[in-house]
């Protein structure tokens, strides 16, 4: 699926798995959505605040209008 690259950081309405945070980050930075999801899952194997950052982004990233 070809998704246009967004200039702002928004959560897309389509193609999301949980909340659209990884999809929004991927669209913003021109990366593959599954690549960002895989990097997030792999980062969860390391100690750190990954889940907290995901939740914060879920609440502060607006949903896209498209």
PDB file of N, CA and C in Angstrom:
ATOM      1  N   UNK A   1       0.842  -1.171   0.000  1.00  0.00           N
ATOM      2  CA  UNK A   1       0.000   0.000   0.000  1.00  0.00           C
ATOM      3  C   UNK A   1       0.889   1.236   0.000  1.00  0.00           C
ATOM      4  N   UNK A   2       0.671   2.108  -0.932  1.00  0.00           N
ATOM      5  CA  UNK A   2       1.466   3.325  -1.053  1.00  0.00           C
ATOM      6  C   UNK A   2       0.790   4.440  -0.270  1.00  0.00           C
ATOM      7  N   UNK A   3       1.432   4.878   0.788  1.00  0.00           N
ATOM      8  CA  UNK A   3       0.888   5.918   1.647  1.00  0.00           C
ATOM      9  C   UNK A   3       1.715   7.174   1.442  1.00  0.00           C
ATOM     10  N   UNK A   4       1.050   8.316   1.199  1.00  0.00           N
ATOM     11  CA  UNK A   4       1.831   9.534   1.024  1.00  0.00           C
ATOM     12  C   UNK A   4       2.535   9.930   2.318  1.00  0.00           C
ATOM     13  N   UNK A   5       3.750  10.441   2.179  1.00  0.00           N
ATOM     14  CA  UNK A   5       4.511  10.835   3.358  1.00  0.00           C
ATOM     15  C   UNK A   5       3.911  12.101   3.935  1.00  0.00           C
ATOM     16  N   UNK A   6       3.629  12.070   5.213  1.00  0.00           N
ATOM     17  CA  UNK A   6       3.043  13.205   5.897  1.00  0.00           C
ATOM     18  C   UNK A   6       4.141  14.141   6.383  1.00  0.00           C
ATOM     19  N   UNK A   7       3.885  15.423   6.385  1.00  0.00           N
ATOM     20  CA  UNK A   7       4.843  16.389   6.900  1.00  0.00           C
ATOM     21  C   UNK A   7       4.697  16.556   8.407  1.00  0.00           C
ATOM     22  N   UNK A   8       3.551  16.203   8.941  1.00  0.00           N
ATOM     23  CA  UNK A   8       3.350  16.335  10.380  1.00  0.00           C
ATOM     24  C   UNK A   8       3.239  14.953  11.011  1.00  0.00           C
ATOM     25  N   UNK A   9       3.355  14.933  12.302  1.00  0.00           N
ATOM     26  CA  UNK A   9       3.320  13.672  13.038  1.00  0.00           C
ATOM     27  C   UNK A   9       1.889  13.400  13.467  1.00  0.00           C
ATOM     28  N   UNK A  10       1.196  12.553  12.717  1.00  0.00           N
ATOM     29  CA  UNK A  10      -0.198  12.205  13.000  1.00  0.00           C
ATOM     30  C   UNK A  10      -0.370  10.696  12.929  1.00  0.00           C
ATOM     31  N   UNK A  11      -1.396  10.201  13.621  1.00  0.00           N
ATOM     32  CA  UNK A  11      -1.727   8.783  13.554  1.00  0.00           C
ATOM     33  C   UNK A  11      -2.715   8.571  12.418  1.00  0.00           C
ATOM     34  N   UNK A  12      -2.400   7.710  11.446  1.00  0.00           N
ATOM     35  CA  UNK A  12      -3.320   7.483  10.323  1.00  0.00           C
ATOM     36  C   UNK A  12      -4.565   6.722  10.760  1.00  0.00           C
ATOM     37  N   UNK A  13      -5.612   6.854   9.987  1.00  0.00           N
ATOM     38  CA  UNK A  13      -6.859   6.143  10.282  1.00  0.00           C
ATOM     39  C   UNK A  13      -6.830   4.714   9.732  1.00  0.00           C
ATOM     40  N   UNK A  14      -6.085   4.503   8.656  1.00  0.00           N
ATOM     41  CA  UNK A  14      -6.024   3.183   8.022  1.00  0.00           C
ATOM     42  C   UNK A  14      -4.636   2.583   8.186  1.00  0.00           C
ATOM     43  N   UNK A  15      -4.573   1.270   8.252  1.00  0.00           N
ATOM     44  CA  UNK A  15      -3.298   0.582   8.309  1.00  0.00           C
ATOM     45  C   UNK A  15      -2.663   0.559   9.687  1.00  0.00           C
ATOM     46  N   UNK A  16      -3.475   0.714  10.718  1.00  0.00           N
ATOM     47  CA  UNK A  16      -2.929   0.691  12.072  1.00  0.00           C
ATOM     48  C   UNK A  16      -3.085  -0.697  12.677  1.00  0.00           C
ATOM     49  N   UNK A  17      -2.244  -1.014  13.639  1.00  0.00           N
ATOM     50  CA  UNK A  17      -2.343  -2.299  14.329  1.00  0.00           C
ATOM     51  C   UNK A  17      -2.952  -2.095  15.707  1.00  0.00           C
ATOM     52  N   UNK A  18      -2.346  -1.251  16.518  1.00  0.00           N
ATOM     53  CA  UNK A  18      -2.897  -0.987  17.852  1.00  0.00           C
ATOM     54  C   UNK A  18      -3.464   0.424  17.891  1.00  0.00           C
ATOM     55  N   UNK A  19      -2.590   1.423  17.915  1.00  0.00           N
ATOM     56  CA  UNK A  19      -3.057   2.803  18.009  1.00  0.00           C
ATOM     57  C   UNK A  19      -2.596   3.648  16.833  1.00  0.00           C
ATOM     58  N   UNK A  20      -1.713   3.146  16.005  1.00  0.00           N
ATOM     59  CA  UNK A  20      -1.232   3.895  14.857  1.00  0.00           C
ATOM     60  C   UNK A  20       0.020   4.706  15.122  1.00  0.00           C
ATOM     61  N   UNK A  21       0.626   4.545  16.287  1.00  0.00           N
ATOM     62  CA  UNK A  21       1.824   5.313  16.621  1.00  0.00           C
ATOM     63  C   UNK A  21       2.975   4.923  15.697  1.00  0.00           C
ATOM     64  N   UNK A  22       3.243   3.656  15.559  1.00  0.00           N
ATOM     65  CA  UNK A  22       4.348   3.208  14.687  1.00  0.00           C
ATOM     66  C   UNK A  22       4.077   3.573  13.231  1.00  0.00           C
ATOM     67  N   UNK A  23       2.829   3.452  12.793  1.00  0.00           N
ATOM     68  CA  UNK A  23       2.484   3.821  11.421  1.00  0.00           C
ATOM     69  C   UNK A  23       2.669   5.316  11.208  1.00  0.00           C
ATOM     70  N   UNK A  24       2.298   6.131  12.179  1.00  0.00           N
ATOM     71  CA  UNK A  24       2.478   7.569  12.073  1.00  0.00           C
ATOM     72  C   UNK A  24       3.940   7.963  12.026  1.00  0.00           C
ATOM     73  N   UNK A  25       4.760   7.324  12.861  1.00  0.00           N
ATOM     74  CA  UNK A  25       6.194   7.597  12.850  1.00  0.00           C
ATOM     75  C   UNK A  25       6.808   7.171  11.516  1.00  0.00           C
ATOM     76  N   UNK A  26       6.390   6.024  11.010  1.00  0.00           N
ATOM     77  CA  UNK A  26       6.914   5.531   9.731  1.00  0.00           C
ATOM     78  C   UNK A  26       6.543   6.475   8.595  1.00  0.00           C
ATOM     79  N   UNK A  27       5.302   6.932   8.560  1.00  0.00           N
ATOM     80  CA  UNK A  27       4.877   7.844   7.501  1.00  0.00           C
ATOM     81  C   UNK A  27       5.628   9.169   7.586  1.00  0.00           C
ATOM     82  N   UNK A  28       5.831   9.652   8.780  1.00  0.00           N
ATOM     83  CA  UNK A  28       6.504  10.954   8.966  1.00  0.00           C
ATOM     84  C   UNK A  28       7.955  10.924   8.500  1.00  0.00           C
ATOM     85  N   UNK A  29       8.645   9.826   8.787  1.00  0.00           N
ATOM     86  CA  UNK A  29      10.068   9.754   8.477  1.00  0.00           C
ATOM     87  C   UNK A  29      10.366   8.948   7.218  1.00  0.00           C
ATOM     88  N   UNK A  30       9.336   8.524   6.479  1.00  0.00           N
ATOM     89  CA  UNK A  30       9.534   7.842   5.209  1.00  0.00           C
ATOM     90  C   UNK A  30      10.075   6.433   5.339  1.00  0.00           C
ATOM     91  N   UNK A  31       9.733   5.750   6.417  1.00  0.00           N
ATOM     92  CA  UNK A  31      10.173   4.373   6.641  1.00  0.00           C
ATOM     93  C   UNK A  31       9.001   3.425   6.419  1.00  0.00           C
ATOM     94  N   UNK A  32       9.301   2.135   6.333  1.00  0.00           N
ATOM     95  CA  UNK A  32       8.248   1.142   6.226  1.00  0.00           C
ATOM     96  C   UNK A  32       7.553   0.949   7.568  1.00  0.00           C
ATOM     97  N   UNK A  33       6.252   0.809   7.519  1.00  0.00           N
ATOM     98  CA  UNK A  33       5.488   0.644   8.763  1.00  0.00           C
ATOM     99  C   UNK A  33       5.909  -0.602   9.524  1.00  0.00           C
ATOM    100  N   UNK A  34       6.082  -1.705   8.812  1.00  0.00           N
ATOM    101  CA  UNK A  34       6.483  -2.940   9.491  1.00  0.00           C
ATOM    102  C   UNK A  34       7.899  -2.847  10.044  1.00  0.00           C
ATOM    103  N   UNK A  35       8.746  -2.068   9.401  1.00  0.00           N
ATOM    104  CA  UNK A  35      10.105  -1.871   9.913  1.00  0.00           C
ATOM    105  C   UNK A  35      10.069  -1.161  11.261  1.00  0.00           C
ATOM    106  N   UNK A  36       9.264  -0.114  11.356  1.00  0.00           N
ATOM    107  CA  UNK A  36       9.151   0.626  12.620  1.00  0.00           C
ATOM    108  C   UNK A  36       8.532  -0.255  13.695  1.00  0.00           C
ATOM    109  N   UNK A  37       7.537  -1.047  13.328  1.00  0.00           N
ATOM    110  CA  UNK A  37       6.910  -1.956  14.303  1.00  0.00           C
ATOM    111  C   UNK A  37       7.922  -2.979  14.810  1.00  0.00           C
ATOM    112  N   UNK A  38       8.721  -3.528  13.898  1.00  0.00           N
ATOM    113  CA  UNK A  38       9.730  -4.510  14.286  1.00  0.00           C
ATOM    114  C   UNK A  38      10.782  -3.877  15.194  1.00  0.00           C
ATOM    115  N   UNK A  39      11.213  -2.673  14.863  1.00  0.00           N
ATOM    116  CA  UNK A  39      12.182  -1.978  15.711  1.00  0.00           C
ATOM    117  C   UNK A  39      11.609  -1.717  17.105  1.00  0.00           C
ATOM    118  N   UNK A  40      10.342  -1.383  17.186  1.00  0.00           N
ATOM    119  CA  UNK A  40       9.719  -1.161  18.492  1.00  0.00           C
ATOM    120  C   UNK A  40       9.680  -2.452  19.300  1.00  0.00           C
ATOM    121  N   UNK A  41       9.282  -3.536  18.668  1.00  0.00           N
ATOM    122  CA  UNK A  41       9.214  -4.826  19.380  1.00  0.00           C
ATOM    123  C   UNK A  41      10.604  -5.251  19.834  1.00  0.00           C
ATOM    124  N   UNK A  42      11.597  -5.087  18.979  1.00  0.00           N
ATOM    125  CA  UNK A  42      12.959  -5.443  19.368  1.00  0.00           C
ATOM    126  C   UNK A  42      13.474  -4.543  20.488  1.00  0.00           C
ATOM    127  N   UNK A  43      13.085  -3.271  20.472  1.00  0.00           N
ATOM    128  CA  UNK A  43      13.524  -2.368  21.540  1.00  0.00           C
ATOM    129  C   UNK A  43      12.902  -2.742  22.881  1.00  0.00           C
ATOM    130  N   UNK A  44      11.777  -3.418  22.845  1.00  0.00           N
ATOM    131  CA  UNK A  44      11.123  -3.840  24.092  1.00  0.00           C
ATOM    132  C   UNK A  44      11.920  -4.930  24.805  1.00  0.00           C
ATOM    133  N   UNK A  45      12.833  -5.563  24.110  1.00  0.00           N
ATOM    134  CA  UNK A  45      13.689  -6.566  24.735  1.00  0.00           C
ATOM    135  C   UNK A  45      14.758  -5.920  25.607  1.00  0.00           C
ATOM    136  N   UNK A  46      15.008  -4.633  25.385  1.00  0.00           N
ATOM    137  CA  UNK A  46      15.996  -3.893  26.159  1.00  0.00           C
ATOM    138  C   UNK A  46      15.290  -3.157  27.303  1.00  0.00           C
ATOM    139  N   UNK A  47      15.991  -2.912  28.389  1.00  0.00           N
ATOM    140  CA  UNK A  47      15.371  -2.141  29.466  1.00  0.00           C
ATOM    141  C   UNK A  47      15.209  -0.689  29.035  1.00  0.00           C
ATOM    142  N   UNK A  48      14.114  -0.093  29.461  1.00  0.00           N
ATOM    143  CA  UNK A  48      13.869   1.304  29.134  1.00  0.00           C
ATOM    144  C   UNK A  48      12.391   1.632  29.131  1.00  0.00           C
ATOM    145  N   UNK A  49      12.069   2.873  28.852  1.00  0.00           N
ATOM    146  CA  UNK A  49      10.681   3.354  28.937  1.00  0.00           C
ATOM    147  C   UNK A  49       9.899   3.250  27.618  1.00  0.00           C
ATOM    148  N   UNK A  50      10.105   2.203  26.846  1.00  0.00           N
ATOM    149  CA  UNK A  50       9.468   2.097  25.536  1.00  0.00           C
ATOM    150  C   UNK A  50       7.946   2.151  25.620  1.00  0.00           C
ATOM    151  N   UNK A  51       7.353   1.428  26.541  1.00  0.00           N
ATOM    152  CA  UNK A  51       5.892   1.398  26.637  1.00  0.00           C
ATOM    153  C   UNK A  51       5.349   2.741  27.081  1.00  0.00           C
ATOM    154  N   UNK A  52       6.067   3.400  27.970  1.00  0.00           N
ATOM    155  CA  UNK A  52       5.628   4.718  28.437  1.00  0.00           C
ATOM    156  C   UNK A  52       5.679   5.721  27.281  1.00  0.00           C
ATOM    157  N   UNK A  53       6.748   5.681  26.502  1.00  0.00           N
ATOM    158  CA  UNK A  53       6.872   6.577  25.349  1.00  0.00           C
ATOM    159  C   UNK A  53       5.761   6.292  24.339  1.00  0.00           C
ATOM    160  N   UNK A  54       5.455   5.018  24.105  1.00  0.00           N
ATOM    161  CA  UNK A  54       4.381   4.657  23.182  1.00  0.00           C
ATOM    162  C   UNK A  54       3.050   5.227  23.667  1.00  0.00           C
ATOM    163  N   UNK A  55       2.763   5.075  24.955  1.00  0.00           N
ATOM    164  CA  UNK A  55       1.505   5.591  25.500  1.00  0.00           C
ATOM    165  C   UNK A  55       1.434   7.113  25.413  1.00  0.00           C
ATOM    166  N   UNK A  56       2.540   7.774  25.701  1.00  0.00           N
ATOM    167  CA  UNK A  56       2.566   9.241  25.605  1.00  0.00           C
ATOM    168  C   UNK A  56       2.315   9.678  24.164  1.00  0.00           C
ATOM    169  N   UNK A  57       2.977   9.025  23.211  1.00  0.00           N
ATOM    170  CA  UNK A  57       2.763   9.365  21.805  1.00  0.00           C
ATOM    171  C   UNK A  57       1.328   9.083  21.375  1.00  0.00           C
ATOM    172  N   UNK A  58       0.729   8.026  21.916  1.00  0.00           N
ATOM    173  CA  UNK A  58      -0.655   7.684  21.601  1.00  0.00           C
ATOM    174  C   UNK A  58      -1.577   8.838  21.990  1.00  0.00           C
ATOM    175  N   UNK A  59      -1.307   9.462  23.115  1.00  0.00           N
ATOM    176  CA  UNK A  59      -2.174  10.532  23.584  1.00  0.00           C
ATOM    177  C   UNK A  59      -1.861  11.886  22.960  1.00  0.00           C
ATOM    178  N   UNK A  60      -0.602  12.150  22.585  1.00  0.00           N
ATOM    179  CA  UNK A  60      -0.288  13.485  22.069  1.00  0.00           C
ATOM    180  C   UNK A  60      -0.339  13.576  20.537  1.00  0.00           C
ATOM    181  N   UNK A  61      -0.249  12.437  19.839  1.00  0.00           N
ATOM    182  CA  UNK A  61      -0.334  12.465  18.377  1.00  0.00           C
ATOM    183  C   UNK A  61      -1.798  12.528  17.947  1.00  0.00           C
ATOM    184  N   UNK A  62      -2.183  13.553  17.190  1.00  0.00           N
ATOM    185  CA  UNK A  62      -3.579  13.621  16.737  1.00  0.00           C
ATOM    186  C   UNK A  62      -3.848  12.604  15.639  1.00  0.00           C
ATOM    187  N   UNK A  63      -5.121  12.231  15.495  1.00  0.00           N
ATOM    188  CA  UNK A  63      -5.525  11.347  14.409  1.00  0.00           C
ATOM    189  C   UNK A  63      -5.577  12.141  13.117  1.00  0.00           C
ATOM    190  N   UNK A  64      -5.159  11.546  12.031  1.00  0.00           N
ATOM    191  CA  UNK A  64      -5.166  12.216  10.731  1.00  0.00           C
ATOM    192  C   UNK A  64      -6.596  12.367  10.222  1.00  0.00           C
ATOM    193  N   UNK A  65      -6.802  13.384   9.412  1.00  0.00           N
ATOM    194  CA  UNK A  65      -8.118  13.626   8.820  1.00  0.00           C
ATOM    195  C   UNK A  65      -8.314  12.846   7.523  1.00  0.00           C
ATOM    196  N   UNK A  66      -7.224  12.259   7.009  1.00  0.00           N
ATOM    197  CA  UNK A  66      -7.323  11.541   5.731  1.00  0.00           C
ATOM    198  C   UNK A  66      -7.340  10.076   5.937  1.00  0.00           C
TER     199      UNK A  66
END
